[in-house]
PDB file of all heavy atoms in Angstrom:
ATOM      1  N   ALA A   1       2.257  18.195   3.807  1.00  0.00           N
ATOM      2  CA  ALA A   1       2.073  17.128   4.793  1.00  0.00           C
ATOM      3  C   ALA A   1       2.657  15.831   4.254  1.00  0.00           C
ATOM      4  O   ALA A   1       2.595  15.554   3.049  1.00  0.00           O
ATOM      5  CB  ALA A   1       0.587  16.952   5.106  1.00  0.00           C
ATOM      6  N   HIS A   2       3.204  15.021   5.171  1.00  0.00           N
ATOM      7  CA  HIS A   2       3.758  13.714   4.807  1.00  0.00           C
ATOM      8  C   HIS A   2       2.877  12.614   5.397  1.00  0.00           C
ATOM      9  O   HIS A   2       2.470  12.695   6.552  1.00  0.00           O
ATOM     10  CB  HIS A   2       5.183  13.576   5.340  1.00  0.00           C
ATOM     11  CG  HIS A   2       6.188  14.421   4.620  1.00  0.00           C
ATOM     12  ND1 HIS A   2       7.539  14.249   4.759  1.00  0.00           N
ATOM     13  CD2 HIS A   2       6.047  15.456   3.753  1.00  0.00           C
ATOM     14  CE1 HIS A   2       8.192  15.131   4.014  1.00  0.00           C
ATOM     15  NE2 HIS A   2       7.286  15.881   3.403  1.00  0.00           N
ATOM     16  N   PHE A   3       2.641  11.582   4.591  1.00  0.00           N
ATOM     17  CA  PHE A   3       1.856  10.436   5.055  1.00  0.00           C
ATOM     18  C   PHE A   3       2.737   9.218   5.312  1.00  0.00           C
ATOM     19  O   PHE A   3       2.223   8.138   5.634  1.00  0.00           O
ATOM     20  CB  PHE A   3       0.761  10.106   4.042  1.00  0.00           C
ATOM     21  CG  PHE A   3      -0.203  11.239   3.837  1.00  0.00           C
ATOM     22  CD1 PHE A   3      -0.069  12.100   2.763  1.00  0.00           C
ATOM     23  CD2 PHE A   3      -1.222  11.470   4.751  1.00  0.00           C
ATOM     24  CE1 PHE A   3      -0.952  13.150   2.589  1.00  0.00           C
ATOM     25  CE2 PHE A   3      -2.111  12.527   4.585  1.00  0.00           C
ATOM     26  CZ  PHE A   3      -1.971  13.374   3.501  1.00  0.00           C
ATOM     27  N   VAL A   4       4.024   9.385   5.137  1.00  0.00           N
ATOM     28  CA  VAL A   4       4.993   8.334   5.438  1.00  0.00           C
ATOM     29  C   VAL A   4       6.119   8.974   6.242  1.00  0.00           C
ATOM     30  O   VAL A   4       6.273  10.196   6.269  1.00  0.00           O
ATOM     31  CB  VAL A   4       5.548   7.678   4.151  1.00  0.00           C
ATOM     32  CG1 VAL A   4       4.467   6.871   3.450  1.00  0.00           C
ATOM     33  CG2 VAL A   4       6.134   8.725   3.208  1.00  0.00           C
ATOM     34  N   LYS A   5       6.939   8.108   6.851  1.00  0.00           N
ATOM     35  CA  LYS A   5       8.045   8.613   7.664  1.00  0.00           C
ATOM     36  C   LYS A   5       9.307   7.820   7.358  1.00  0.00           C
ATOM     37  O   LYS A   5       9.273   6.815   6.633  1.00  0.00           O
ATOM     38  CB  LYS A   5       7.698   8.516   9.146  1.00  0.00           C
ATOM     39  CG  LYS A   5       7.460   7.103   9.646  1.00  0.00           C
ATOM     40  CD  LYS A   5       7.056   7.112  11.109  1.00  0.00           C
ATOM     41  CE  LYS A   5       6.865   5.699  11.658  1.00  0.00           C
ATOM     42  NZ  LYS A   5       5.836   4.943  10.953  1.00  0.00           N
ATOM     43  N   LEU A   6      10.400   8.251   7.935  1.00  0.00           N
ATOM     44  CA  LEU A   6      11.697   7.633   7.706  1.00  0.00           C
ATOM     45  C   LEU A   6      11.639   6.131   8.002  1.00  0.00           C
ATOM     46  O   LEU A   6      11.158   5.708   9.039  1.00  0.00           O
ATOM     47  CB  LEU A   6      12.752   8.294   8.597  1.00  0.00           C
ATOM     48  CG  LEU A   6      14.197   7.798   8.418  1.00  0.00           C
ATOM     49  CD1 LEU A   6      14.724   8.156   7.045  1.00  0.00           C
ATOM     50  CD2 LEU A   6      15.096   8.404   9.513  1.00  0.00           C
ATOM     51  N   GLY A   7      12.123   5.328   7.029  1.00  0.00           N
ATOM     52  CA  GLY A   7      12.157   3.868   7.192  1.00  0.00           C
ATOM     53  C   GLY A   7      10.959   3.148   6.655  1.00  0.00           C
ATOM     54  O   GLY A   7      10.979   1.911   6.532  1.00  0.00           O
ATOM     55  N   ASP A   8       9.879   3.880   6.321  1.00  0.00           N
ATOM     56  CA  ASP A   8       8.673   3.235   5.809  1.00  0.00           C
ATOM     57  C   ASP A   8       8.908   2.684   4.400  1.00  0.00           C
ATOM     58  O   ASP A   8       9.606   3.294   3.583  1.00  0.00           O
ATOM     59  CB  ASP A   8       7.503   4.216   5.758  1.00  0.00           C
ATOM     60  CG  ASP A   8       6.904   4.464   7.122  1.00  0.00           C
ATOM     61  OD1 ASP A   8       7.324   3.806   8.092  1.00  0.00           O
ATOM     62  OD2 ASP A   8       6.011   5.345   7.220  1.00  0.00           O
ATOM     63  N   LYS A   9       8.291   1.532   4.132  1.00  0.00           N
ATOM     64  CA  LYS A   9       8.282   0.995   2.774  1.00  0.00           C
ATOM     65  C   LYS A   9       7.054   1.531   2.051  1.00  0.00           C
ATOM     66  O   LYS A   9       5.971   1.603   2.635  1.00  0.00           O
ATOM     67  CB  LYS A   9       8.259  -0.530   2.790  1.00  0.00           C
ATOM     68  CG  LYS A   9       9.532  -1.155   3.353  1.00  0.00           C
ATOM     69  CD  LYS A   9       9.449  -2.674   3.311  1.00  0.00           C
ATOM     70  CE  LYS A   9      10.724  -3.298   3.861  1.00  0.00           C
ATOM     71  NZ  LYS A   9      10.664  -4.778   3.836  1.00  0.00           N
ATOM     72  N   VAL A  10       7.231   1.905   0.808  1.00  0.00           N
ATOM     73  CA  VAL A  10       6.120   2.454   0.031  1.00  0.00           C
ATOM     74  C   VAL A  10       5.948   1.643  -1.247  1.00  0.00           C
ATOM     75  O   VAL A  10       6.883   0.974  -1.723  1.00  0.00           O
ATOM     76  CB  VAL A  10       6.348   3.938  -0.310  1.00  0.00           C
ATOM     77  CG1 VAL A  10       6.435   4.763   0.955  1.00  0.00           C
ATOM     78  CG2 VAL A  10       7.608   4.124  -1.150  1.00  0.00           C
ATOM     79  N   LYS A  11       4.738   1.717  -1.779  1.00  0.00           N
ATOM     80  CA  LYS A  11       4.411   1.042  -3.033  1.00  0.00           C
ATOM     81  C   LYS A  11       4.158   2.072  -4.125  1.00  0.00           C
ATOM     82  O   LYS A  11       3.777   3.213  -3.850  1.00  0.00           O
ATOM     83  CB  LYS A  11       3.165   0.177  -2.856  1.00  0.00           C
ATOM     84  CG  LYS A  11       3.347  -0.998  -1.911  1.00  0.00           C
ATOM     85  CD  LYS A  11       4.283  -2.038  -2.508  1.00  0.00           C
ATOM     86  CE  LYS A  11       4.380  -3.259  -1.630  1.00  0.00           C
ATOM     87  NZ  LYS A  11       5.298  -4.274  -2.204  1.00  0.00           N
ATOM     88  N   LYS A  12       4.385   1.655  -5.349  1.00  0.00           N
ATOM     89  CA  LYS A  12       4.111   2.541  -6.477  1.00  0.00           C
ATOM     90  C   LYS A  12       2.645   2.941  -6.471  1.00  0.00           C
ATOM     91  O   LYS A  12       1.758   2.099  -6.338  1.00  0.00           O
ATOM     92  CB  LYS A  12       4.458   1.845  -7.786  1.00  0.00           C
ATOM     93  CG  LYS A  12       4.237   2.708  -9.016  1.00  0.00           C
ATOM     94  CD  LYS A  12       4.671   1.971 -10.285  1.00  0.00           C
ATOM     95  CE  LYS A  12       4.467   2.850 -11.508  1.00  0.00           C
ATOM     96  NZ  LYS A  12       4.886   2.169 -12.755  1.00  0.00           N
ATOM     97  N   GLY A  13       2.387   4.256  -6.599  1.00  0.00           N
ATOM     98  CA  GLY A  13       1.024   4.757  -6.598  1.00  0.00           C
ATOM     99  C   GLY A  13       0.480   5.077  -5.220  1.00  0.00           C
ATOM    100  O   GLY A  13      -0.660   5.544  -5.110  1.00  0.00           O
ATOM    101  N   GLN A  14       1.258   4.863  -4.166  1.00  0.00           N
ATOM    102  CA  GLN A  14       0.819   5.163  -2.805  1.00  0.00           C
ATOM    103  C   GLN A  14       0.902   6.659  -2.535  1.00  0.00           C
ATOM    104  O   GLN A  14       1.869   7.321  -2.909  1.00  0.00           O
ATOM    105  CB  GLN A  14       1.690   4.402  -1.802  1.00  0.00           C
ATOM    106  CG  GLN A  14       1.357   4.655  -0.354  1.00  0.00           C
ATOM    107  CD  GLN A  14       2.266   3.876   0.593  1.00  0.00           C
ATOM    108  OE1 GLN A  14       2.883   2.882   0.201  1.00  0.00           O
ATOM    109  NE2 GLN A  14       2.346   4.319   1.844  1.00  0.00           N
ATOM    110  N   LYS A  15      -0.102   7.213  -1.868  1.00  0.00           N
ATOM    111  CA  LYS A  15      -0.095   8.626  -1.508  1.00  0.00           C
ATOM    112  C   LYS A  15       0.964   8.854  -0.430  1.00  0.00           C
ATOM    113  O   LYS A  15       0.942   8.222   0.624  1.00  0.00           O
ATOM    114  CB  LYS A  15      -1.476   9.050  -0.998  1.00  0.00           C
ATOM    115  CG  LYS A  15      -1.601  10.526  -0.641  1.00  0.00           C
ATOM    116  CD  LYS A  15      -3.017  10.842  -0.181  1.00  0.00           C
ATOM    117  CE  LYS A  15      -3.159  12.296   0.226  1.00  0.00           C
ATOM    118  NZ  LYS A  15      -4.533  12.607   0.689  1.00  0.00           N
ATOM    119  N   ILE A  16       1.891   9.789  -0.687  1.00  0.00           N
ATOM    120  CA  ILE A  16       3.005   9.982   0.241  1.00  0.00           C
ATOM    121  C   ILE A  16       3.041  11.380   0.857  1.00  0.00           C
ATOM    122  O   ILE A  16       3.576  11.556   1.956  1.00  0.00           O
ATOM    123  CB  ILE A  16       4.353   9.696  -0.462  1.00  0.00           C
ATOM    124  CG1 ILE A  16       4.500  10.548  -1.724  1.00  0.00           C
ATOM    125  CG2 ILE A  16       4.486   8.205  -0.773  1.00  0.00           C
ATOM    126  CD1 ILE A  16       5.851  10.393  -2.425  1.00  0.00           C
ATOM    127  N   LEU A  17       2.485  12.382   0.169  1.00  0.00           N
ATOM    128  CA  LEU A  17       2.518  13.755   0.710  1.00  0.00           C
ATOM    129  C   LEU A  17       1.521  14.637  -0.032  1.00  0.00           C
ATOM    130  O   LEU A  17       0.853  14.186  -0.968  1.00  0.00           O
ATOM    131  CB  LEU A  17       3.933  14.331   0.626  1.00  0.00           C
ATOM    132  CG  LEU A  17       4.650  14.316  -0.743  1.00  0.00           C
ATOM    133  CD1 LEU A  17       4.280  15.543  -1.569  1.00  0.00           C
ATOM    134  CD2 LEU A  17       6.151  14.267  -0.545  1.00  0.00           C
ATOM    135  N   THR A  18       1.427  15.902   0.382  1.00  0.00           N
ATOM    136  CA  THR A  18       0.599  16.888  -0.325  1.00  0.00           C
ATOM    137  C   THR A  18       1.454  18.100  -0.699  1.00  0.00           C
ATOM    138  O   THR A  18       2.515  18.351  -0.111  1.00  0.00           O
ATOM    139  CB  THR A  18      -0.585  17.349   0.529  1.00  0.00           C
ATOM    140  OG1 THR A  18      -0.086  17.906   1.750  1.00  0.00           O
ATOM    141  CG2 THR A  18      -1.528  16.195   0.827  1.00  0.00           C
ATOM    142  N   VAL A  19       0.990  18.813  -1.691  1.00  0.00           N
ATOM    143  CA  VAL A  19       1.730  19.957  -2.232  1.00  0.00           C
ATOM    144  C   VAL A  19       1.747  21.112  -1.229  1.00  0.00           C
ATOM    145  O   VAL A  19       0.736  21.441  -0.612  1.00  0.00           O
ATOM    146  CB  VAL A  19       1.107  20.416  -3.568  1.00  0.00           C
ATOM    147  CG1 VAL A  19       1.765  21.716  -4.057  1.00  0.00           C
ATOM    148  CG2 VAL A  19       1.228  19.320  -4.617  1.00  0.00           C
ATOM    149  N   GLY A  20       2.947  21.701  -1.073  1.00  0.00           N
ATOM    150  CA  GLY A  20       3.096  22.875  -0.208  1.00  0.00           C
ATOM    151  C   GLY A  20       3.702  24.036  -0.976  1.00  0.00           C
ATOM    152  O   GLY A  20       3.689  24.052  -2.218  1.00  0.00           O
ATOM    153  N   THR A  21       4.274  24.985  -0.243  1.00  0.00           N
ATOM    154  CA  THR A  21       4.810  26.200  -0.867  1.00  0.00           C
ATOM    155  C   THR A  21       6.271  26.471  -0.504  1.00  0.00           C
ATOM    156  O   THR A  21       6.797  27.533  -0.823  1.00  0.00           O
ATOM    157  CB  THR A  21       3.984  27.419  -0.440  1.00  0.00           C
ATOM    158  OG1 THR A  21       4.113  27.589   0.979  1.00  0.00           O
ATOM    159  CG2 THR A  21       2.534  27.258  -0.832  1.00  0.00           C
ATOM    160  N   GLY A  22       6.917  25.536   0.167  1.00  0.00           N
ATOM    161  CA  GLY A  22       8.289  25.822   0.596  1.00  0.00           C
ATOM    162  C   GLY A  22       8.323  26.946   1.600  1.00  0.00           C
ATOM    163  O   GLY A  22       9.085  27.900   1.446  1.00  0.00           O
ATOM    164  N   ASN A  23       7.477  26.835   2.622  1.00  0.00           N
ATOM    165  CA  ASN A  23       7.379  27.865   3.670  1.00  0.00           C
ATOM    166  C   ASN A  23       6.994  29.221   3.106  1.00  0.00           C
ATOM    167  O   ASN A  23       7.454  30.262   3.585  1.00  0.00           O
ATOM    168  CB  ASN A  23       8.684  27.966   4.454  1.00  0.00           C
ATOM    169  CG  ASN A  23       8.957  26.705   5.251  1.00  0.00           C
ATOM    170  OD1 ASN A  23       8.039  26.061   5.738  1.00  0.00           O
ATOM    171  ND2 ASN A  23      10.223  26.345   5.374  1.00  0.00           N
ATOM    172  N   GLY A  24       6.151  29.195   2.082  1.00  0.00           N
ATOM    173  CA  GLY A  24       5.619  30.433   1.547  1.00  0.00           C
ATOM    174  C   GLY A  24       6.547  31.169   0.607  1.00  0.00           C
ATOM    175  O   GLY A  24       6.228  32.288   0.169  1.00  0.00           O
ATOM    176  N   GLN A  25       7.694  30.568   0.279  1.00  0.00           N
ATOM    177  CA  GLN A  25       8.635  31.251  -0.610  1.00  0.00           C
ATOM    178  C   GLN A  25       8.251  31.104  -2.073  1.00  0.00           C
ATOM    179  O   GLN A  25       8.775  31.835  -2.913  1.00  0.00           O
ATOM    180  CB  GLN A  25      10.048  30.712  -0.383  1.00  0.00           C
ATOM    181  CG  GLN A  25      10.553  30.957   1.041  1.00  0.00           C
ATOM    182  CD  GLN A  25      11.954  30.432   1.232  1.00  0.00           C
ATOM    183  OE1 GLN A  25      12.912  31.018   0.728  1.00  0.00           O
ATOM    184  NE2 GLN A  25      12.071  29.336   1.947  1.00  0.00           N
ATOM    185  N   TRP A  26       7.364  30.114  -2.388  1.00  0.00           N
ATOM    186  CA  TRP A  26       6.972  29.868  -3.769  1.00  0.00           C
ATOM    187  C   TRP A  26       5.469  29.729  -3.856  1.00  0.00           C
ATOM    188  O   TRP A  26       4.786  29.527  -2.841  1.00  0.00           O
ATOM    189  CB  TRP A  26       7.622  28.566  -4.290  1.00  0.00           C
ATOM    190  CG  TRP A  26       9.073  28.437  -3.949  1.00  0.00           C
ATOM    191  CD1 TRP A  26       9.631  27.662  -2.988  1.00  0.00           C
ATOM    192  CD2 TRP A  26      10.141  29.122  -4.575  1.00  0.00           C
ATOM    193  NE1 TRP A  26      10.985  27.812  -2.971  1.00  0.00           N
ATOM    194  CE2 TRP A  26      11.333  28.710  -3.944  1.00  0.00           C
ATOM    195  CE3 TRP A  26      10.240  30.072  -5.610  1.00  0.00           C
ATOM    196  CZ2 TRP A  26      12.589  29.196  -4.293  1.00  0.00           C
ATOM    197  CZ3 TRP A  26      11.486  30.546  -5.972  1.00  0.00           C
ATOM    198  CH2 TRP A  26      12.638  30.107  -5.319  1.00  0.00           C
ATOM    199  N   SER A  27       4.961  29.789  -5.052  1.00  0.00           N
ATOM    200  CA  SER A  27       3.573  29.376  -5.263  1.00  0.00           C
ATOM    201  C   SER A  27       3.516  27.857  -5.092  1.00  0.00           C
ATOM    202  O   SER A  27       4.519  27.158  -5.289  1.00  0.00           O
ATOM    203  CB  SER A  27       3.101  29.785  -6.664  1.00  0.00           C
ATOM    204  OG  SER A  27       3.119  31.196  -6.808  1.00  0.00           O
ATOM    205  N   ALA A  28       2.352  27.348  -4.743  1.00  0.00           N
ATOM    206  CA  ALA A  28       2.222  25.916  -4.453  1.00  0.00           C
ATOM    207  C   ALA A  28       2.580  25.060  -5.671  1.00  0.00           C
ATOM    208  O   ALA A  28       2.032  25.245  -6.759  1.00  0.00           O
ATOM    209  CB  ALA A  28       0.806  25.616  -3.993  1.00  0.00           C
ATOM    210  N   HIS A  29       3.522  24.153  -5.472  1.00  0.00           N
ATOM    211  CA  HIS A  29       3.897  23.175  -6.496  1.00  0.00           C
ATOM    212  C   HIS A  29       4.776  22.117  -5.832  1.00  0.00           C
ATOM    213  O   HIS A  29       5.219  22.285  -4.692  1.00  0.00           O
ATOM    214  CB  HIS A  29       4.640  23.829  -7.672  1.00  0.00           C
ATOM    215  CG  HIS A  29       6.010  24.303  -7.318  1.00  0.00           C
ATOM    216  ND1 HIS A  29       6.244  25.500  -6.659  1.00  0.00           N
ATOM    217  CD2 HIS A  29       7.238  23.752  -7.521  1.00  0.00           C
ATOM    218  CE1 HIS A  29       7.534  25.667  -6.480  1.00  0.00           C
ATOM    219  NE2 HIS A  29       8.172  24.611  -6.998  1.00  0.00           N
ATOM    220  N   CYS A  30       5.025  21.060  -6.537  1.00  0.00           N
ATOM    221  CA  CYS A  30       5.908  19.993  -6.041  1.00  0.00           C
ATOM    222  C   CYS A  30       7.156  19.951  -6.911  1.00  0.00           C
ATOM    223  O   CYS A  30       7.066  19.758  -8.128  1.00  0.00           O
ATOM    224  CB  CYS A  30       5.200  18.635  -6.080  1.00  0.00           C
ATOM    225  SG  CYS A  30       6.258  17.246  -5.594  1.00  0.00           S
ATOM    226  N   HIS A  31       8.314  20.159  -6.267  1.00  0.00           N
ATOM    227  CA  HIS A  31       9.573  19.950  -6.988  1.00  0.00           C
ATOM    228  C   HIS A  31       9.917  18.466  -6.902  1.00  0.00           C
ATOM    229  O   HIS A  31       9.978  17.880  -5.820  1.00  0.00           O
ATOM    230  CB  HIS A  31      10.700  20.767  -6.370  1.00  0.00           C
ATOM    231  CG  HIS A  31      12.045  20.427  -6.982  1.00  0.00           C
ATOM    232  ND1 HIS A  31      12.551  21.127  -8.056  1.00  0.00           N
ATOM    233  CD2 HIS A  31      12.955  19.462  -6.675  1.00  0.00           C
ATOM    234  CE1 HIS A  31      13.724  20.608  -8.382  1.00  0.00           C
ATOM    235  NE2 HIS A  31      13.991  19.590  -7.561  1.00  0.00           N
ATOM    236  N   TYR A  32      10.140  17.858  -8.070  1.00  0.00           N
ATOM    237  CA  TYR A  32      10.439  16.414  -8.131  1.00  0.00           C
ATOM    238  C   TYR A  32      11.666  16.196  -8.991  1.00  0.00           C
ATOM    239  O   TYR A  32      11.715  16.612 -10.155  1.00  0.00           O
ATOM    240  CB  TYR A  32       9.232  15.656  -8.696  1.00  0.00           C
ATOM    241  CG  TYR A  32       9.513  14.210  -9.073  1.00  0.00           C
ATOM    242  CD1 TYR A  32      10.069  13.324  -8.155  1.00  0.00           C
ATOM    243  CD2 TYR A  32       9.211  13.740 -10.354  1.00  0.00           C
ATOM    244  CE1 TYR A  32      10.322  12.008  -8.504  1.00  0.00           C
ATOM    245  CE2 TYR A  32       9.445  12.429 -10.702  1.00  0.00           C
ATOM    246  CZ  TYR A  32      10.007  11.556  -9.781  1.00  0.00           C
ATOM    247  OH  TYR A  32      10.268  10.253 -10.119  1.00  0.00           O
ATOM    248  N   ASP A  33      12.698  15.536  -8.417  1.00  0.00           N
ATOM    249  CA  ASP A  33      13.883  15.170  -9.197  1.00  0.00           C
ATOM    250  C   ASP A  33      14.357  13.770  -8.806  1.00  0.00           C
ATOM    251  O   ASP A  33      13.876  13.181  -7.818  1.00  0.00           O
ATOM    252  CB  ASP A  33      15.005  16.206  -9.066  1.00  0.00           C
ATOM    253  CG  ASP A  33      15.460  16.431  -7.635  1.00  0.00           C
ATOM    254  OD1 ASP A  33      15.431  15.478  -6.845  1.00  0.00           O
ATOM    255  OD2 ASP A  33      15.858  17.579  -7.314  1.00  0.00           O
ATOM    256  N   CYS A  34      15.292  13.239  -9.601  1.00  0.00           N
ATOM    257  CA  CYS A  34      15.727  11.833  -9.443  1.00  0.00           C
ATOM    258  C   CYS A  34      17.249  11.737  -9.370  1.00  0.00           C
ATOM    259  O   CYS A  34      17.911  11.450 -10.386  1.00  0.00           O
ATOM    260  CB  CYS A  34      15.217  10.990 -10.596  1.00  0.00           C
ATOM    261  SG  CYS A  34      13.428  10.958 -10.770  1.00  0.00           S
ATOM    262  N   PRO A  35      17.848  11.952  -8.195  1.00  0.00           N
ATOM    263  CA  PRO A  35      19.288  11.752  -8.063  1.00  0.00           C
ATOM    264  C   PRO A  35      19.652  10.293  -8.326  1.00  0.00           C
ATOM    265  O   PRO A  35      19.005   9.377  -7.821  1.00  0.00           O
ATOM    266  CB  PRO A  35      19.561  12.127  -6.600  1.00  0.00           C
ATOM    267  CG  PRO A  35      18.415  12.991  -6.206  1.00  0.00           C
ATOM    268  CD  PRO A  35      17.241  12.448  -6.949  1.00  0.00           C
ATOM    269  N   GLN A  36      20.702  10.098  -9.118  1.00  0.00           N
ATOM    270  CA  GLN A  36      21.111   8.734  -9.459  1.00  0.00           C
ATOM    271  C   GLN A  36      22.040   8.128  -8.407  1.00  0.00           C
ATOM    272  O   GLN A  36      22.355   6.942  -8.473  1.00  0.00           O
ATOM    273  CB  GLN A  36      21.787   8.713 -10.830  1.00  0.00           C
ATOM    274  CG  GLN A  36      20.871   9.197 -11.949  1.00  0.00           C
ATOM    275  CD  GLN A  36      21.468   8.967 -13.313  1.00  0.00           C
ATOM    276  OE1 GLN A  36      21.570   7.840 -13.793  1.00  0.00           O
ATOM    277  NE2 GLN A  36      21.881  10.043 -13.959  1.00  0.00           N
ATOM    278  N   ARG A  37      22.470   8.951  -7.459  1.00  0.00           N
ATOM    279  CA  ARG A  37      23.309   8.471  -6.357  1.00  0.00           C
ATOM    280  C   ARG A  37      22.910   9.227  -5.100  1.00  0.00           C
ATOM    281  O   ARG A  37      22.223  10.251  -5.157  1.00  0.00           O
ATOM    282  CB  ARG A  37      24.788   8.735  -6.670  1.00  0.00           C
ATOM    283  CG  ARG A  37      25.101  10.197  -6.932  1.00  0.00           C
ATOM    284  CD  ARG A  37      26.569  10.442  -7.224  1.00  0.00           C
ATOM    285  NE  ARG A  37      26.833  11.838  -7.554  1.00  0.00           N
ATOM    286  CZ  ARG A  37      26.952  12.816  -6.678  1.00  0.00           C
ATOM    287  NH1 ARG A  37      26.829  12.540  -5.376  1.00  0.00           N
ATOM    288  NH2 ARG A  37      27.190  14.057  -7.061  1.00  0.00           N
ATOM    289  N   LYS A  38      23.351   8.696  -3.962  1.00  0.00           N
ATOM    290  CA  LYS A  38      23.053   9.366  -2.702  1.00  0.00           C
ATOM    291  C   LYS A  38      23.836  10.664  -2.620  1.00  0.00           C
ATOM    292  O   LYS A  38      25.054  10.685  -2.810  1.00  0.00           O
ATOM    293  CB  LYS A  38      23.419   8.455  -1.527  1.00  0.00           C
ATOM    294  CG  LYS A  38      23.040   9.023  -0.184  1.00  0.00           C
ATOM    295  CD  LYS A  38      23.355   8.037   0.936  1.00  0.00           C
ATOM    296  CE  LYS A  38      22.953   8.610   2.287  1.00  0.00           C
ATOM    297  NZ  LYS A  38      23.243   7.661   3.400  1.00  0.00           N
ATOM    298  N   LEU A  39      23.134  11.754  -2.321  1.00  0.00           N
ATOM    299  CA  LEU A  39      23.780  13.059  -2.224  1.00  0.00           C
ATOM    300  C   LEU A  39      24.423  13.241  -0.849  1.00  0.00           C
ATOM    301  O   LEU A  39      23.984  12.640   0.144  1.00  0.00           O
ATOM    302  CB  LEU A  39      22.754  14.170  -2.469  1.00  0.00           C
ATOM    303  CG  LEU A  39      22.013  14.129  -3.819  1.00  0.00           C
ATOM    304  CD1 LEU A  39      21.023  15.284  -3.900  1.00  0.00           C
ATOM    305  CD2 LEU A  39      22.997  14.177  -4.983  1.00  0.00           C
ATOM    306  N   ASN A  40      25.466  14.052  -0.814  1.00  0.00           N
ATOM    307  CA  ASN A  40      26.107  14.336   0.479  1.00  0.00           C
ATOM    308  C   ASN A  40      25.134  15.000   1.446  1.00  0.00           C
ATOM    309  O   ASN A  40      25.176  14.767   2.652  1.00  0.00           O
ATOM    310  CB  ASN A  40      27.332  15.229   0.278  1.00  0.00           C
ATOM    311  CG  ASN A  40      28.430  14.531  -0.510  1.00  0.00           C
ATOM    312  OD1 ASN A  40      28.550  13.308  -0.436  1.00  0.00           O
ATOM    313  ND2 ASN A  40      29.212  15.294  -1.265  1.00  0.00           N
ATOM    314  N   SER A  41      24.263  15.832   0.903  1.00  0.00           N
ATOM    315  CA  SER A  41      23.209  16.459   1.698  1.00  0.00           C
ATOM    316  C   SER A  41      21.948  16.511   0.846  1.00  0.00           C
ATOM    317  O   SER A  41      21.987  16.991  -0.299  1.00  0.00           O
ATOM    318  CB  SER A  41      23.609  17.879   2.123  1.00  0.00           C
ATOM    319  OG  SER A  41      22.510  18.541   2.719  1.00  0.00           O
ATOM    320  N   TRP A  42      20.829  15.998   1.409  1.00  0.00           N
ATOM    321  CA  TRP A  42      19.595  15.973   0.634  1.00  0.00           C
ATOM    322  C   TRP A  42      19.011  17.368   0.441  1.00  0.00           C
ATOM    323  O   TRP A  42      18.136  17.561  -0.393  1.00  0.00           O
ATOM    324  CB  TRP A  42      18.570  15.062   1.305  1.00  0.00           C
ATOM    325  CG  TRP A  42      18.932  13.603   1.200  1.00  0.00           C
ATOM    326  CD1 TRP A  42      19.222  12.759   2.219  1.00  0.00           C
ATOM    327  CD2 TRP A  42      19.040  12.828  -0.004  1.00  0.00           C
ATOM    328  NE1 TRP A  42      19.508  11.501   1.743  1.00  0.00           N
ATOM    329  CE2 TRP A  42      19.400  11.523   0.370  1.00  0.00           C
ATOM    330  CE3 TRP A  42      18.870  13.103  -1.360  1.00  0.00           C
ATOM    331  CZ2 TRP A  42      19.602  10.502  -0.548  1.00  0.00           C
ATOM    332  CZ3 TRP A  42      19.067  12.096  -2.287  1.00  0.00           C
ATOM    333  CH2 TRP A  42      19.431  10.811  -1.888  1.00  0.00           C
ATOM    334  N   THR A  43      19.508  18.337   1.186  1.00  0.00           N
ATOM    335  CA  THR A  43      19.022  19.706   1.006  1.00  0.00           C
ATOM    336  C   THR A  43      19.952  20.523   0.108  1.00  0.00           C
ATOM    337  O   THR A  43      19.764  21.727  -0.058  1.00  0.00           O
ATOM    338  CB  THR A  43      18.888  20.414   2.364  1.00  0.00           C
ATOM    339  OG1 THR A  43      20.153  20.420   3.029  1.00  0.00           O
ATOM    340  CG2 THR A  43      17.849  19.719   3.225  1.00  0.00           C
TER     341      THR A  43
END
């Protein structure tokens, strides 16, 4: 679940989402990475 939407401003430490499973393809976890530039496709 997402608690923010496109265009929203967020603060450090703000709750933004909850852990899912990638449509059941994985065990529940959050994949987190830090692209240093805008990707051609976020997926």
